[in-house]
Structures are given as structure tokens and as C-alpha cells.
Amino acid sequence: MGLGGYLLKYLKDEPQTIDQLWFKVAKQNNTRKAFAYHGFDNVILSLNYLFIIGAIDINSEGLIYNASNKVISQ
């Protein structure tokens, strides 16, 4: 749940690819501010959960976006 919140924060301004999201999480993992280490599998599981509950969606270009920002996704 905590990682899902961070992913939603990263998706606040613009749609992202999975690689872009992973880069941001990996960068966070390498800082002293890291709340916990999360591997790529945790990112994928969190994205799956967020998709299932309708918090994120995927546009026609394959970019992931925050579902509350539908205008940005088009």
C-alpha cells in the first residue's frame, strides 16, 4: 500500500512507462530517505493492485497514468 502511494505520486503530473517508474523507485532505494527497499517485482505487484482498484489505467500508447487525471491521459 505504501509503495502504491509513491507510484501514484510519481504519476500525478504525467503518464509514465514502467521503466520510468522503476527508475524512480530504484533511485529512491539508493537514498538515505528510502522508506524500504522495493524490488521490481514489488513495483509490478503494486501497479497490478492499483489497476485492479481503478486508481491507474493505461492509455493507447502503453503509458500508465493516474486514473483521477483522465485529461492528461489523452
PDB file of N, CA and C in Angstrom:
ATOM      1  N   MET A   1       0.819  -1.192   0.000  1.00  0.00           N
ATOM      2  CA  MET A   1       0.000   0.000   0.000  1.00  0.00           C
ATOM      3  C   MET A   1       0.868   1.263   0.000  1.00  0.00           C
ATOM      4  N   GLY A   2       1.931   1.252   0.783  1.00  0.00           N
ATOM      5  CA  GLY A   2       2.803   2.423   0.831  1.00  0.00           C
ATOM      6  C   GLY A   2       3.476   2.693  -0.494  1.00  0.00           C
ATOM      7  N   LEU A   3       3.968   1.634  -1.132  1.00  0.00           N
ATOM      8  CA  LEU A   3       4.609   1.790  -2.436  1.00  0.00           C
ATOM      9  C   LEU A   3       3.600   2.283  -3.464  1.00  0.00           C
ATOM     10  N   GLY A   4       2.366   1.812  -3.374  1.00  0.00           N
ATOM     11  CA  GLY A   4       1.324   2.274  -4.286  1.00  0.00           C
ATOM     12  C   GLY A   4       1.114   3.772  -4.181  1.00  0.00           C
ATOM     13  N   GLY A   5       1.197   4.302  -2.965  1.00  0.00           N
ATOM     14  CA  GLY A   5       1.075   5.746  -2.771  1.00  0.00           C
ATOM     15  C   GLY A   5       2.189   6.509  -3.459  1.00  0.00           C
ATOM     16  N   TYR A   6       3.403   5.987  -3.350  1.00  0.00           N
ATOM     17  CA  TYR A   6       4.528   6.634  -4.038  1.00  0.00           C
ATOM     18  C   TYR A   6       4.355   6.563  -5.554  1.00  0.00           C
ATOM     19  N   LEU A   7       3.887   5.428  -6.056  1.00  0.00           N
ATOM     20  CA  LEU A   7       3.688   5.303  -7.502  1.00  0.00           C
ATOM     21  C   LEU A   7       2.631   6.288  -7.979  1.00  0.00           C
ATOM     22  N   LEU A   8       1.560   6.442  -7.211  1.00  0.00           N
ATOM     23  CA  LEU A   8       0.539   7.423  -7.587  1.00  0.00           C
ATOM     24  C   LEU A   8       1.103   8.836  -7.580  1.00  0.00           C
ATOM     25  N   LYS A   9       1.978   9.112  -6.638  1.00  0.00           N
ATOM     26  CA  LYS A   9       2.617  10.437  -6.591  1.00  0.00           C
ATOM     27  C   LYS A   9       3.458  10.660  -7.846  1.00  0.00           C
ATOM     28  N   TYR A  10       4.185   9.631  -8.274  1.00  0.00           N
ATOM     29  CA  TYR A  10       5.006   9.753  -9.480  1.00  0.00           C
ATOM     30  C   TYR A  10       4.149   9.933 -10.732  1.00  0.00           C
ATOM     31  N   LEU A  11       2.916   9.444 -10.688  1.00  0.00           N
ATOM     32  CA  LEU A  11       2.020   9.541 -11.839  1.00  0.00           C
ATOM     33  C   LEU A  11       1.130  10.775 -11.794  1.00  0.00           C
ATOM     34  N   LYS A  12       1.337  11.622 -10.828  1.00  0.00           N
ATOM     35  CA  LYS A  12       0.474  12.789 -10.621  1.00  0.00           C
ATOM     36  C   LYS A  12       0.488  13.749 -11.810  1.00  0.00           C
ATOM     37  N   ASP A  13       1.666  14.032 -12.338  1.00  0.00           N
ATOM     38  CA  ASP A  13       1.803  15.082 -13.357  1.00  0.00           C
ATOM     39  C   ASP A  13       1.685  14.607 -14.794  1.00  0.00           C
ATOM     40  N   GLU A  14       2.189  13.421 -15.069  1.00  0.00           N
ATOM     41  CA  GLU A  14       2.155  12.938 -16.449  1.00  0.00           C
ATOM     42  C   GLU A  14       2.244  11.415 -16.484  1.00  0.00           C
ATOM     43  N   PRO A  15       1.735  10.799 -17.560  1.00  0.00           N
ATOM     44  CA  PRO A  15       1.838   9.344 -17.696  1.00  0.00           C
ATOM     45  C   PRO A  15       3.299   8.911 -17.756  1.00  0.00           C
ATOM     46  N   GLN A  16       3.559   7.707 -17.285  1.00  0.00           N
ATOM     47  CA  GLN A  16       4.920   7.178 -17.243  1.00  0.00           C
ATOM     48  C   GLN A  16       4.942   5.747 -17.788  1.00  0.00           C
ATOM     49  N   THR A  17       6.095   5.317 -18.254  1.00  0.00           N
ATOM     50  CA  THR A  17       6.275   3.913 -18.608  1.00  0.00           C
ATOM     51  C   THR A  17       6.665   3.147 -17.341  1.00  0.00           C
ATOM     52  N   ILE A  18       6.604   1.843 -17.429  1.00  0.00           N
ATOM     53  CA  ILE A  18       7.044   1.019 -16.304  1.00  0.00           C
ATOM     54  C   ILE A  18       8.519   1.285 -16.021  1.00  0.00           C
ATOM     55  N   ASP A  19       9.313   1.424 -17.069  1.00  0.00           N
ATOM     56  CA  ASP A  19      10.747   1.692 -16.890  1.00  0.00           C
ATOM     57  C   ASP A  19      10.984   3.010 -16.156  1.00  0.00           C
ATOM     58  N   GLN A  20      10.228   4.035 -16.499  1.00  0.00           N
ATOM     59  CA  GLN A  20      10.383   5.326 -15.826  1.00  0.00           C
ATOM     60  C   GLN A  20      10.023   5.220 -14.347  1.00  0.00           C
ATOM     61  N   LEU A  21       8.939   4.504 -14.058  1.00  0.00           N
ATOM     62  CA  LEU A  21       8.542   4.319 -12.661  1.00  0.00           C
ATOM     63  C   LEU A  21       9.596   3.527 -11.902  1.00  0.00           C
ATOM     64  N   TRP A  22      10.110   2.458 -12.518  1.00  0.00           N
ATOM     65  CA  TRP A  22      11.135   1.649 -11.864  1.00  0.00           C
ATOM     66  C   TRP A  22      12.387   2.478 -11.595  1.00  0.00           C
ATOM     67  N   PHE A  23      12.780   3.322 -12.539  1.00  0.00           N
ATOM     68  CA  PHE A  23      13.952   4.174 -12.346  1.00  0.00           C
ATOM     69  C   PHE A  23      13.770   5.073 -11.122  1.00  0.00           C
ATOM     70  N   LYS A  24      12.580   5.623 -10.949  1.00  0.00           N
ATOM     71  CA  LYS A  24      12.315   6.496  -9.808  1.00  0.00           C
ATOM     72  C   LYS A  24      12.346   5.716  -8.498  1.00  0.00           C
ATOM     73  N   VAL A  25      11.785   4.511  -8.492  1.00  0.00           N
ATOM     74  CA  VAL A  25      11.809   3.684  -7.272  1.00  0.00           C
ATOM     75  C   VAL A  25      13.243   3.258  -6.970  1.00  0.00           C
ATOM     76  N   ALA A  26      13.989   2.848  -7.993  1.00  0.00           N
ATOM     77  CA  ALA A  26      15.382   2.424  -7.790  1.00  0.00           C
ATOM     78  C   ALA A  26      16.223   3.586  -7.266  1.00  0.00           C
ATOM     79  N   LYS A  27      15.975   4.774  -7.780  1.00  0.00           N
ATOM     80  CA  LYS A  27      16.685   5.963  -7.301  1.00  0.00           C
ATOM     81  C   LYS A  27      16.351   6.211  -5.834  1.00  0.00           C
ATOM     82  N   GLN A  28      15.084   6.066  -5.475  1.00  0.00           N
ATOM     83  CA  GLN A  28      14.661   6.220  -4.084  1.00  0.00           C
ATOM     84  C   GLN A  28      15.311   5.157  -3.198  1.00  0.00           C
ATOM     85  N   ASN A  29      15.435   3.927  -3.719  1.00  0.00           N
ATOM     86  CA  ASN A  29      16.073   2.837  -2.970  1.00  0.00           C
ATOM     87  C   ASN A  29      17.506   3.184  -2.572  1.00  0.00           C
ATOM     88  N   ASN A  30      18.179   3.964  -3.389  1.00  0.00           N
ATOM     89  CA  ASN A  30      19.588   4.281  -3.172  1.00  0.00           C
ATOM     90  C   ASN A  30      19.824   5.530  -2.329  1.00  0.00           C
ATOM     91  N   THR A  31      18.776   6.116  -1.788  1.00  0.00           N
ATOM     92  CA  THR A  31      18.942   7.304  -0.956  1.00  0.00           C
ATOM     93  C   THR A  31      18.768   6.944   0.515  1.00  0.00           C
ATOM     94  N   ARG A  32      19.198   7.827   1.354  1.00  0.00           N
ATOM     95  CA  ARG A  32      19.005   7.622   2.799  1.00  0.00           C
ATOM     96  C   ARG A  32      17.562   7.868   3.196  1.00  0.00           C
ATOM     97  N   LYS A  33      16.799   8.465   2.303  1.00  0.00           N
ATOM     98  CA  LYS A  33      15.390   8.741   2.579  1.00  0.00           C
ATOM     99  C   LYS A  33      14.499   7.544   2.259  1.00  0.00           C
ATOM    100  N   ALA A  34      15.087   6.469   1.769  1.00  0.00           N
ATOM    101  CA  ALA A  34      14.300   5.300   1.376  1.00  0.00           C
ATOM    102  C   ALA A  34      13.541   4.742   2.572  1.00  0.00           C
ATOM    103  N   PHE A  35      12.236   4.633   2.412  1.00  0.00           N
ATOM    104  CA  PHE A  35      11.401   4.104   3.488  1.00  0.00           C
ATOM    105  C   PHE A  35      11.549   2.599   3.616  1.00  0.00           C
ATOM    106  N   ALA A  36      11.819   1.939   2.522  1.00  0.00           N
ATOM    107  CA  ALA A  36      12.080   0.496   2.490  1.00  0.00           C
ATOM    108  C   ALA A  36      12.581   0.161   1.097  1.00  0.00           C
ATOM    109  N   TYR A  37      13.322  -0.937   0.987  1.00  0.00           N
ATOM    110  CA  TYR A  37      13.782  -1.367  -0.334  1.00  0.00           C
ATOM    111  C   TYR A  37      12.641  -2.086  -1.038  1.00  0.00           C
ATOM    112  N   HIS A  38      12.408  -1.728  -2.294  1.00  0.00           N
ATOM    113  CA  HIS A  38      11.394  -2.397  -3.099  1.00  0.00           C
ATOM    114  C   HIS A  38      12.021  -2.816  -4.412  1.00  0.00           C
ATOM    115  N   GLY A  39      11.913  -4.092  -4.716  1.00  0.00           N
ATOM    116  CA  GLY A  39      12.413  -4.623  -5.973  1.00  0.00           C
ATOM    117  C   GLY A  39      11.408  -4.408  -7.096  1.00  0.00           C
ATOM    118  N   PHE A  40      11.829  -4.780  -8.292  1.00  0.00           N
ATOM    119  CA  PHE A  40      10.976  -4.611  -9.472  1.00  0.00           C
ATOM    120  C   PHE A  40       9.675  -5.390  -9.328  1.00  0.00           C
ATOM    121  N   ASP A  41       9.745  -6.573  -8.720  1.00  0.00           N
ATOM    122  CA  ASP A  41       8.532  -7.377  -8.544  1.00  0.00           C
ATOM    123  C   ASP A  41       7.523  -6.671  -7.645  1.00  0.00           C
ATOM    124  N   ASN A  42       7.997  -5.965  -6.629  1.00  0.00           N
ATOM    125  CA  ASN A  42       7.084  -5.198  -5.768  1.00  0.00           C
ATOM    126  C   ASN A  42       6.413  -4.068  -6.539  1.00  0.00           C
ATOM    127  N   VAL A  43       7.155  -3.447  -7.444  1.00  0.00           N
ATOM    128  CA  VAL A  43       6.594  -2.369  -8.265  1.00  0.00           C
ATOM    129  C   VAL A  43       5.485  -2.934  -9.146  1.00  0.00           C
ATOM    130  N   ILE A  44       5.734  -4.066  -9.778  1.00  0.00           N
ATOM    131  CA  ILE A  44       4.735  -4.688 -10.655  1.00  0.00           C
ATOM    132  C   ILE A  44       3.499  -5.099  -9.865  1.00  0.00           C
ATOM    133  N   LEU A  45       3.695  -5.694  -8.691  1.00  0.00           N
ATOM    134  CA  LEU A  45       2.549  -6.091  -7.861  1.00  0.00           C
ATOM    135  C   LEU A  45       1.737  -4.875  -7.422  1.00  0.00           C
ATOM    136  N   SER A  46       2.416  -3.794  -7.076  1.00  0.00           N
ATOM    137  CA  SER A  46       1.720  -2.569  -6.682  1.00  0.00           C
ATOM    138  C   SER A  46       0.942  -1.977  -7.846  1.00  0.00           C
ATOM    139  N   LEU A  47       1.541  -1.985  -9.035  1.00  0.00           N
ATOM    140  CA  LEU A  47       0.840  -1.481 -10.219  1.00  0.00           C
ATOM    141  C   LEU A  47      -0.385  -2.342 -10.523  1.00  0.00           C
ATOM    142  N   ASN A  48      -0.255  -3.657 -10.389  1.00  0.00           N
ATOM    143  CA  ASN A  48      -1.402  -4.544 -10.604  1.00  0.00           C
ATOM    144  C   ASN A  48      -2.533  -4.209  -9.637  1.00  0.00           C
ATOM    145  N   TYR A  49      -2.190  -4.030  -8.372  1.00  0.00           N
ATOM    146  CA  TYR A  49      -3.191  -3.692  -7.362  1.00  0.00           C
ATOM    147  C   TYR A  49      -3.874  -2.361  -7.690  1.00  0.00           C
ATOM    148  N   LEU A  50      -3.071  -1.353  -8.028  1.00  0.00           N
ATOM    149  CA  LEU A  50      -3.633  -0.045  -8.359  1.00  0.00           C
ATOM    150  C   LEU A  50      -4.549  -0.116  -9.581  1.00  0.00           C
ATOM    151  N   PHE A  51      -4.200  -0.962 -10.543  1.00  0.00           N
ATOM    152  CA  PHE A  51      -5.035  -1.135 -11.734  1.00  0.00           C
ATOM    153  C   PHE A  51      -6.353  -1.817 -11.365  1.00  0.00           C
ATOM    154  N   ILE A  52      -6.275  -2.849 -10.531  1.00  0.00           N
ATOM    155  CA  ILE A  52      -7.469  -3.597 -10.131  1.00  0.00           C
ATOM    156  C   ILE A  52      -8.466  -2.701  -9.388  1.00  0.00           C
ATOM    157  N   ILE A  53      -7.975  -1.816  -8.547  1.00  0.00           N
ATOM    158  CA  ILE A  53      -8.886  -0.956  -7.786  1.00  0.00           C
ATOM    159  C   ILE A  53      -9.277   0.308  -8.560  1.00  0.00           C
ATOM    160  N   GLY A  54      -8.779   0.458  -9.779  1.00  0.00           N
ATOM    161  CA  GLY A  54      -9.166   1.581 -10.630  1.00  0.00           C
ATOM    162  C   GLY A  54      -8.427   2.871 -10.373  1.00  0.00           C
ATOM    163  N   ALA A  55      -7.310   2.806  -9.650  1.00  0.00           N
ATOM    164  CA  ALA A  55      -6.540   4.019  -9.355  1.00  0.00           C
ATOM    165  C   ALA A  55      -5.644   4.436 -10.511  1.00  0.00           C
ATOM    166  N   ILE A  56      -5.251   3.492 -11.356  1.00  0.00           N
ATOM    167  CA  ILE A  56      -4.427   3.794 -12.532  1.00  0.00           C
ATOM    168  C   ILE A  56      -5.046   3.130 -13.752  1.00  0.00           C
ATOM    169  N   ASP A  57      -4.608   3.572 -14.910  1.00  0.00           N
ATOM    170  CA  ASP A  57      -5.045   2.975 -16.162  1.00  0.00           C
ATOM    171  C   ASP A  57      -3.898   3.093 -17.156  1.00  0.00           C
ATOM    172  N   ILE A  58      -4.089   2.523 -18.332  1.00  0.00           N
ATOM    173  CA  ILE A  58      -3.055   2.526 -19.374  1.00  0.00           C
ATOM    174  C   ILE A  58      -3.664   3.147 -20.622  1.00  0.00           C
ATOM    175  N   ASN A  59      -2.964   4.115 -21.221  1.00  0.00           N
ATOM    176  CA  ASN A  59      -3.501   4.742 -22.430  1.00  0.00           C
ATOM    177  C   ASN A  59      -3.121   3.945 -23.675  1.00  0.00           C
ATOM    178  N   SER A  60      -3.531   4.425 -24.833  1.00  0.00           N
ATOM    179  CA  SER A  60      -3.309   3.705 -26.093  1.00  0.00           C
ATOM    180  C   SER A  60      -1.828   3.603 -26.464  1.00  0.00           C
ATOM    181  N   GLU A  61      -0.995   4.441 -25.856  1.00  0.00           N
ATOM    182  CA  GLU A  61       0.447   4.396 -26.121  1.00  0.00           C
ATOM    183  C   GLU A  61       1.182   3.490 -25.137  1.00  0.00           C
ATOM    184  N   GLY A  62       0.443   2.867 -24.218  1.00  0.00           N
ATOM    185  CA  GLY A  62       1.050   1.977 -23.241  1.00  0.00           C
ATOM    186  C   GLY A  62       1.609   2.685 -22.023  1.00  0.00           C
ATOM    187  N   LEU A  63       1.268   3.959 -21.856  1.00  0.00           N
ATOM    188  CA  LEU A  63       1.733   4.716 -20.696  1.00  0.00           C
ATOM    189  C   LEU A  63       0.740   4.573 -19.551  1.00  0.00           C
ATOM    190  N   ILE A  64       1.267   4.459 -18.358  1.00  0.00           N
ATOM    191  CA  ILE A  64       0.449   4.320 -17.155  1.00  0.00           C
ATOM    192  C   ILE A  64       0.139   5.716 -16.631  1.00  0.00           C
ATOM    193  N   TYR A  65      -1.111   5.935 -16.256  1.00  0.00           N
ATOM    194  CA  TYR A  65      -1.481   7.240 -15.721  1.00  0.00           C
ATOM    195  C   TYR A  65      -2.404   7.092 -14.521  1.00  0.00           C
ATOM    196  N   ASN A  66      -2.423   8.116 -13.704  1.00  0.00           N
ATOM    197  CA  ASN A  66      -3.300   8.184 -12.546  1.00  0.00           C
ATOM    198  C   ASN A  66      -4.725   8.370 -13.073  1.00  0.00           C
ATOM    199  N   ALA A  67      -5.627   7.461 -12.736  1.00  0.00           N
ATOM    200  CA  ALA A  67      -6.981   7.494 -13.292  1.00  0.00           C
ATOM    201  C   ALA A  67      -7.751   8.748 -12.899  1.00  0.00           C
ATOM    202  N   SER A  68      -7.347   9.418 -11.841  1.00  0.00           N
ATOM    203  CA  SER A  68      -8.026  10.655 -11.462  1.00  0.00           C
ATOM    204  C   SER A  68      -7.626  11.818 -12.367  1.00  0.00           C
ATOM    205  N   ASN A  69      -6.617  11.618 -13.220  1.00  0.00           N
ATOM    206  CA  ASN A  69      -6.146  12.643 -14.165  1.00  0.00           C
ATOM    207  C   ASN A  69      -6.484  12.228 -15.597  1.00  0.00           C
ATOM    208  N   LYS A  70      -7.725  11.916 -15.885  1.00  0.00           N
ATOM    209  CA  LYS A  70      -8.100  11.412 -17.205  1.00  0.00           C
ATOM    210  C   LYS A  70      -7.781  12.382 -18.336  1.00  0.00           C
ATOM    211  N   VAL A  71      -7.780  13.665 -18.084  1.00  0.00           N
ATOM    212  CA  VAL A  71      -7.473  14.650 -19.123  1.00  0.00           C
ATOM    213  C   VAL A  71      -6.037  14.484 -19.590  1.00  0.00           C
ATOM    214  N   ILE A  72      -5.134  14.213 -18.673  1.00  0.00           N
ATOM    215  CA  ILE A  72      -3.713  14.054 -19.018  1.00  0.00           C
ATOM    216  C   ILE A  72      -3.490  12.818 -19.877  1.00  0.00           C
ATOM    217  N   SER A  73      -4.297  11.798 -19.719  1.00  0.00           N
ATOM    218  CA  SER A  73      -4.047  10.524 -20.382  1.00  0.00           C
ATOM    219  C   SER A  73      -4.293  10.553 -21.877  1.00  0.00           C
ATOM    220  N   GLN A  74      -5.023  11.538 -22.383  1.00  0.00           N
ATOM    221  CA  GLN A  74      -5.419  11.518 -23.786  1.00  0.00           C
ATOM    222  C   GLN A  74      -4.384  12.066 -24.685  1.00  0.00           C
TER     223      GLN A  74
END
